[in-house]
Amino acid sequence: MQQPVEMTTLSQVLEKLRLKGVDNEIKMNGDKQMVSEQSGKVYRPEDLVIFKTFRFEGDSDPGDNSALYITEDKEGEIGYILDAYGAYSNHDGFEFSDFIKNIKVEDRDEQELFG
């Protein structure tokens, strides 16, 4: 049985996702709405499920931290939400963190995504 390749950096995980055809980033726009960059679809927390979370910490700077949330919407479309936090946070206010906290979480096997 082939062992999964360990992915230790954000760029490695994003590249692996891209190779699997997952390049749908969901971002908060200026109106504080979470929107698919690919389709323009606007999401509410109840429209998504987080099924895998990756956390990364910067080696040289403890403020250089990020989380990558792999999501699936009600139509089965897989996407991701990237959150830089700490000193490099790219989200002002509480809207982003409230959105993330209100998404249902289902932990799935990584092989389901990268197998």
N, C-alpha and C. Protein backbone atom coordinates (compact mmCIF):
# COMPACT_ATOMS: atom_id res chain seq x y z
N MET A 1 0.84 -1.19 0.00
CA MET A 1 0.00 0.00 0.00
C MET A 1 0.88 1.24 0.00
N GLN A 2 0.57 2.19 -0.87
CA GLN A 2 1.36 3.40 -0.98
C GLN A 2 1.07 4.33 0.19
N GLN A 3 2.14 4.83 0.81
CA GLN A 3 2.00 5.76 1.92
C GLN A 3 1.69 7.15 1.37
N PRO A 4 0.83 7.91 2.05
CA PRO A 4 0.56 9.27 1.58
C PRO A 4 1.79 10.15 1.72
N VAL A 5 1.97 11.06 0.79
CA VAL A 5 3.07 12.00 0.85
C VAL A 5 2.74 13.06 1.89
N GLU A 6 3.69 13.27 2.80
CA GLU A 6 3.46 14.28 3.84
C GLU A 6 3.57 15.67 3.23
N MET A 7 2.60 16.50 3.53
CA MET A 7 2.60 17.86 3.03
C MET A 7 2.78 18.78 4.23
N THR A 8 3.86 19.53 4.23
CA THR A 8 4.17 20.32 5.41
C THR A 8 3.99 21.81 5.21
N THR A 9 3.83 22.26 3.98
CA THR A 9 3.67 23.70 3.77
C THR A 9 2.33 23.99 3.10
N LEU A 10 1.89 25.20 3.28
CA LEU A 10 0.65 25.64 2.65
C LEU A 10 0.75 25.51 1.13
N SER A 11 1.86 25.92 0.56
CA SER A 11 1.99 25.85 -0.90
C SER A 11 1.94 24.41 -1.40
N GLN A 12 2.48 23.44 -0.64
CA GLN A 12 2.41 22.04 -1.04
C GLN A 12 0.96 21.55 -1.06
N VAL A 13 0.21 21.91 -0.04
CA VAL A 13 -1.19 21.47 0.02
C VAL A 13 -2.01 22.14 -1.08
N LEU A 14 -1.82 23.44 -1.30
CA LEU A 14 -2.55 24.13 -2.36
C LEU A 14 -2.22 23.54 -3.74
N GLU A 15 -0.96 23.19 -3.96
CA GLU A 15 -0.59 22.58 -5.24
C GLU A 15 -1.23 21.21 -5.41
N LYS A 16 -1.25 20.42 -4.34
CA LYS A 16 -1.88 19.10 -4.39
C LYS A 16 -3.38 19.25 -4.69
N LEU A 17 -4.03 20.23 -4.06
CA LEU A 17 -5.44 20.50 -4.34
C LEU A 17 -5.64 20.89 -5.81
N ARG A 18 -4.78 21.77 -6.30
CA ARG A 18 -4.89 22.23 -7.69
C ARG A 18 -4.77 21.04 -8.65
N LEU A 19 -3.83 20.14 -8.37
CA LEU A 19 -3.65 18.96 -9.22
C LEU A 19 -4.87 18.05 -9.19
N LYS A 20 -5.63 18.08 -8.09
CA LYS A 20 -6.86 17.29 -7.98
C LYS A 20 -8.08 18.05 -8.51
N GLY A 21 -7.84 19.25 -9.07
CA GLY A 21 -8.94 20.03 -9.64
C GLY A 21 -9.69 20.88 -8.64
N VAL A 22 -9.13 21.03 -7.45
CA VAL A 22 -9.78 21.86 -6.43
C VAL A 22 -9.07 23.21 -6.41
N ASP A 23 -9.66 24.17 -7.09
CA ASP A 23 -9.07 25.50 -7.12
C ASP A 23 -10.13 26.58 -6.90
N ASN A 24 -11.17 26.20 -6.18
CA ASN A 24 -12.27 27.10 -5.89
C ASN A 24 -12.08 27.73 -4.52
N GLU A 25 -11.44 28.90 -4.50
CA GLU A 25 -11.24 29.59 -3.23
C GLU A 25 -12.50 30.38 -2.88
N ILE A 26 -12.88 30.30 -1.63
CA ILE A 26 -14.03 31.05 -1.12
C ILE A 26 -13.46 32.14 -0.23
N LYS A 27 -13.78 33.39 -0.57
CA LYS A 27 -13.21 34.54 0.13
C LYS A 27 -14.30 35.49 0.59
N MET A 28 -13.96 36.27 1.60
CA MET A 28 -14.88 37.31 2.06
C MET A 28 -14.66 38.55 1.19
N ASN A 29 -15.75 39.05 0.64
CA ASN A 29 -15.65 40.24 -0.20
C ASN A 29 -15.82 41.51 0.63
N GLY A 30 -15.80 42.64 -0.02
CA GLY A 30 -15.93 43.93 0.65
C GLY A 30 -17.26 44.15 1.34
N ASP A 31 -18.28 43.38 0.93
CA ASP A 31 -19.60 43.47 1.56
C ASP A 31 -19.75 42.48 2.71
N LYS A 32 -18.62 41.85 3.12
CA LYS A 32 -18.61 40.87 4.22
C LYS A 32 -19.42 39.63 3.88
N GLN A 33 -19.43 39.26 2.59
CA GLN A 33 -20.08 38.02 2.14
C GLN A 33 -18.99 37.05 1.71
N MET A 34 -19.21 35.76 1.97
CA MET A 34 -18.27 34.73 1.52
C MET A 34 -18.69 34.31 0.12
N VAL A 35 -17.77 34.45 -0.83
CA VAL A 35 -18.08 34.26 -2.24
C VAL A 35 -17.07 33.33 -2.90
N SER A 36 -17.56 32.43 -3.74
CA SER A 36 -16.69 31.56 -4.54
C SER A 36 -16.03 32.39 -5.62
N GLU A 37 -14.70 32.36 -5.67
CA GLU A 37 -13.99 33.08 -6.73
C GLU A 37 -14.29 32.47 -8.10
N GLN A 38 -14.57 31.18 -8.13
CA GLN A 38 -14.80 30.47 -9.39
C GLN A 38 -16.19 30.74 -9.97
N SER A 39 -17.21 30.61 -9.13
CA SER A 39 -18.58 30.70 -9.65
C SER A 39 -19.30 32.00 -9.27
N GLY A 40 -18.78 32.71 -8.29
CA GLY A 40 -19.46 33.91 -7.81
C GLY A 40 -20.58 33.61 -6.84
N LYS A 41 -20.76 32.33 -6.52
CA LYS A 41 -21.82 31.92 -5.60
C LYS A 41 -21.55 32.51 -4.21
N VAL A 42 -22.59 33.05 -3.58
CA VAL A 42 -22.49 33.59 -2.23
C VAL A 42 -22.93 32.51 -1.25
N TYR A 43 -22.14 32.30 -0.21
CA TYR A 43 -22.41 31.25 0.76
C TYR A 43 -22.79 31.81 2.13
N ARG A 44 -23.65 31.07 2.80
CA ARG A 44 -23.93 31.25 4.23
C ARG A 44 -23.26 30.07 4.92
N PRO A 45 -22.97 30.14 6.21
CA PRO A 45 -22.31 29.02 6.89
C PRO A 45 -23.05 27.69 6.72
N GLU A 46 -24.37 27.73 6.72
CA GLU A 46 -25.15 26.49 6.62
C GLU A 46 -25.09 25.87 5.21
N ASP A 47 -24.51 26.58 4.24
CA ASP A 47 -24.37 26.05 2.89
C ASP A 47 -23.13 25.17 2.74
N LEU A 48 -22.24 25.19 3.75
CA LEU A 48 -20.96 24.51 3.64
C LEU A 48 -20.73 23.52 4.78
N VAL A 49 -19.83 22.58 4.52
CA VAL A 49 -19.31 21.67 5.53
C VAL A 49 -17.79 21.73 5.41
N ILE A 50 -17.10 21.89 6.53
CA ILE A 50 -15.64 21.78 6.54
C ILE A 50 -15.32 20.32 6.80
N PHE A 51 -14.57 19.69 5.88
CA PHE A 51 -14.26 18.29 6.11
C PHE A 51 -12.78 18.02 6.30
N LYS A 52 -11.95 19.04 6.18
CA LYS A 52 -10.53 18.88 6.49
C LYS A 52 -9.96 20.25 6.82
N THR A 53 -9.14 20.30 7.87
CA THR A 53 -8.49 21.54 8.26
C THR A 53 -6.99 21.29 8.34
N PHE A 54 -6.23 22.17 7.73
CA PHE A 54 -4.77 22.15 7.83
C PHE A 54 -4.35 23.41 8.55
N ARG A 55 -3.40 23.29 9.48
CA ARG A 55 -2.86 24.46 10.17
C ARG A 55 -1.36 24.53 9.92
N PHE A 56 -0.89 25.73 9.66
CA PHE A 56 0.51 25.95 9.34
C PHE A 56 1.05 27.04 10.25
N GLU A 57 2.28 26.84 10.74
CA GLU A 57 2.94 27.83 11.56
C GLU A 57 4.26 28.19 10.90
N GLY A 58 4.53 29.48 10.83
CA GLY A 58 5.77 29.94 10.23
C GLY A 58 6.97 29.55 11.07
N ASP A 59 8.01 29.02 10.41
CA ASP A 59 9.21 28.60 11.13
C ASP A 59 9.97 29.77 11.73
N SER A 60 10.05 30.86 10.98
CA SER A 60 10.87 31.97 11.44
C SER A 60 10.06 33.06 12.13
N ASP A 61 8.76 33.05 11.98
CA ASP A 61 7.94 34.11 12.55
C ASP A 61 6.66 33.52 13.12
N PRO A 62 6.53 33.51 14.45
CA PRO A 62 5.31 32.92 15.04
C PRO A 62 4.03 33.66 14.65
N GLY A 63 4.14 34.87 14.13
CA GLY A 63 2.97 35.60 13.67
C GLY A 63 2.54 35.19 12.28
N ASP A 64 3.35 34.37 11.61
CA ASP A 64 3.07 33.93 10.24
C ASP A 64 2.35 32.59 10.28
N ASN A 65 1.08 32.61 10.64
CA ASN A 65 0.28 31.39 10.79
C ASN A 65 -0.89 31.42 9.84
N SER A 66 -1.32 30.23 9.42
CA SER A 66 -2.49 30.17 8.56
C SER A 66 -3.24 28.86 8.77
N ALA A 67 -4.51 28.89 8.41
CA ALA A 67 -5.36 27.71 8.43
C ALA A 67 -6.01 27.60 7.06
N LEU A 68 -6.12 26.36 6.59
CA LEU A 68 -6.75 26.09 5.31
C LEU A 68 -7.91 25.13 5.58
N TYR A 69 -9.12 25.58 5.26
CA TYR A 69 -10.33 24.79 5.48
C TYR A 69 -10.81 24.24 4.14
N ILE A 70 -10.90 22.92 4.03
CA ILE A 70 -11.42 22.31 2.81
C ILE A 70 -12.92 22.12 3.02
N THR A 71 -13.70 22.63 2.08
CA THR A 71 -15.16 22.66 2.24
C THR A 71 -15.87 21.91 1.11
N GLU A 72 -17.11 21.58 1.40
CA GLU A 72 -18.00 21.04 0.37
C GLU A 72 -19.34 21.74 0.53
N ASP A 73 -19.91 22.17 -0.59
CA ASP A 73 -21.21 22.82 -0.50
C ASP A 73 -22.33 21.81 -0.73
N LYS A 74 -23.56 22.28 -0.67
CA LYS A 74 -24.73 21.39 -0.77
C LYS A 74 -24.83 20.70 -2.13
N GLU A 75 -24.18 21.26 -3.15
CA GLU A 75 -24.18 20.65 -4.48
C GLU A 75 -23.00 19.72 -4.68
N GLY A 76 -22.17 19.53 -3.66
CA GLY A 76 -21.03 18.64 -3.74
C GLY A 76 -19.77 19.28 -4.29
N GLU A 77 -19.78 20.60 -4.48
CA GLU A 77 -18.61 21.29 -4.99
C GLU A 77 -17.60 21.50 -3.86
N ILE A 78 -16.36 21.08 -4.11
CA ILE A 78 -15.31 21.21 -3.10
C ILE A 78 -14.58 22.53 -3.34
N GLY A 79 -14.26 23.20 -2.26
CA GLY A 79 -13.52 24.45 -2.31
C GLY A 79 -12.66 24.59 -1.07
N TYR A 80 -12.08 25.75 -0.92
CA TYR A 80 -11.28 25.98 0.28
C TYR A 80 -11.36 27.43 0.73
N ILE A 81 -11.15 27.60 2.02
CA ILE A 81 -11.10 28.92 2.64
C ILE A 81 -9.73 29.03 3.29
N LEU A 82 -9.00 30.07 2.98
CA LEU A 82 -7.68 30.31 3.54
C LEU A 82 -7.76 31.43 4.55
N ASP A 83 -7.20 31.18 5.72
CA ASP A 83 -7.22 32.19 6.78
C ASP A 83 -5.81 32.39 7.30
N ALA A 84 -5.23 33.53 6.99
CA ALA A 84 -3.96 33.92 7.61
C ALA A 84 -4.33 34.58 8.93
N TYR A 85 -3.74 34.11 10.00
CA TYR A 85 -4.06 34.71 11.30
C TYR A 85 -2.79 35.11 12.01
N GLY A 86 -2.96 35.74 13.14
CA GLY A 86 -1.80 36.29 13.84
C GLY A 86 -1.50 37.66 13.28
N ALA A 87 -0.23 37.97 13.20
CA ALA A 87 0.20 39.30 12.75
C ALA A 87 -0.20 39.59 11.30
N TYR A 88 -0.40 38.53 10.51
CA TYR A 88 -0.69 38.72 9.08
C TYR A 88 -2.14 38.45 8.72
N SER A 89 -3.03 38.54 9.68
CA SER A 89 -4.44 38.29 9.42
C SER A 89 -4.94 39.19 8.30
N ASN A 90 -5.72 38.60 7.41
CA ASN A 90 -6.26 39.37 6.29
C ASN A 90 -7.75 39.63 6.45
N HIS A 91 -8.26 39.51 7.70
CA HIS A 91 -9.68 39.73 7.94
C HIS A 91 -9.86 40.67 9.11
N ASP A 92 -10.49 41.82 8.83
CA ASP A 92 -10.82 42.76 9.88
C ASP A 92 -12.20 42.43 10.41
N GLY A 93 -12.42 42.67 11.68
CA GLY A 93 -13.74 42.48 12.26
C GLY A 93 -14.01 41.04 12.61
N PHE A 94 -15.23 40.81 13.06
CA PHE A 94 -15.64 39.49 13.57
C PHE A 94 -16.36 38.64 12.53
N GLU A 95 -16.73 39.22 11.40
CA GLU A 95 -17.58 38.50 10.43
C GLU A 95 -16.94 37.21 9.92
N PHE A 96 -15.64 37.26 9.60
CA PHE A 96 -14.99 36.08 9.07
C PHE A 96 -14.94 34.97 10.12
N SER A 97 -14.48 35.29 11.32
CA SER A 97 -14.36 34.25 12.35
C SER A 97 -15.74 33.71 12.74
N ASP A 98 -16.75 34.54 12.78
CA ASP A 98 -18.10 34.07 13.05
C ASP A 98 -18.59 33.13 11.95
N PHE A 99 -18.28 33.47 10.70
CA PHE A 99 -18.67 32.62 9.59
C PHE A 99 -18.04 31.23 9.74
N ILE A 100 -16.74 31.19 9.96
CA ILE A 100 -16.02 29.92 10.10
C ILE A 100 -16.57 29.11 11.28
N LYS A 101 -16.80 29.76 12.41
CA LYS A 101 -17.30 29.06 13.61
C LYS A 101 -18.66 28.43 13.39
N ASN A 102 -19.44 28.97 12.46
CA ASN A 102 -20.80 28.48 12.24
C ASN A 102 -20.93 27.46 11.11
N ILE A 103 -19.80 27.05 10.53
CA ILE A 103 -19.84 26.00 9.51
C ILE A 103 -19.75 24.65 10.22
N LYS A 104 -20.59 23.73 9.82
CA LYS A 104 -20.55 22.36 10.36
C LYS A 104 -19.22 21.71 9.98
N VAL A 105 -18.64 20.95 10.92
CA VAL A 105 -17.37 20.27 10.67
C VAL A 105 -17.58 18.76 10.68
N GLU A 106 -17.11 18.10 9.63
CA GLU A 106 -17.11 16.64 9.52
C GLU A 106 -15.70 16.23 9.15
N ASP A 107 -14.98 15.59 10.06
CA ASP A 107 -13.62 15.17 9.74
C ASP A 107 -13.66 13.93 8.87
N ARG A 108 -13.04 14.00 7.70
CA ARG A 108 -12.98 12.89 6.77
C ARG A 108 -11.54 12.45 6.57
N ASP A 109 -11.38 11.25 6.07
CA ASP A 109 -10.06 10.71 5.80
C ASP A 109 -9.40 11.51 4.69
N GLU A 110 -8.14 11.87 4.89
CA GLU A 110 -7.39 12.63 3.90
C GLU A 110 -7.30 11.89 2.56
N GLN A 111 -7.31 10.57 2.60
CA GLN A 111 -7.24 9.77 1.38
C GLN A 111 -8.44 10.03 0.48
N GLU A 112 -9.56 10.40 1.08
CA GLU A 112 -10.76 10.71 0.30
C GLU A 112 -10.50 11.89 -0.64
N LEU A 113 -9.67 12.82 -0.18
CA LEU A 113 -9.37 14.01 -0.96
C LEU A 113 -8.16 13.82 -1.84
N PHE A 114 -7.11 13.24 -1.28
CA PHE A 114 -5.83 13.16 -2.00
C PHE A 114 -5.50 11.77 -2.53
N GLY A 115 -6.38 10.79 -2.30
CA GLY A 115 -6.09 9.41 -2.72
C GLY A 115 -6.12 9.19 -4.20
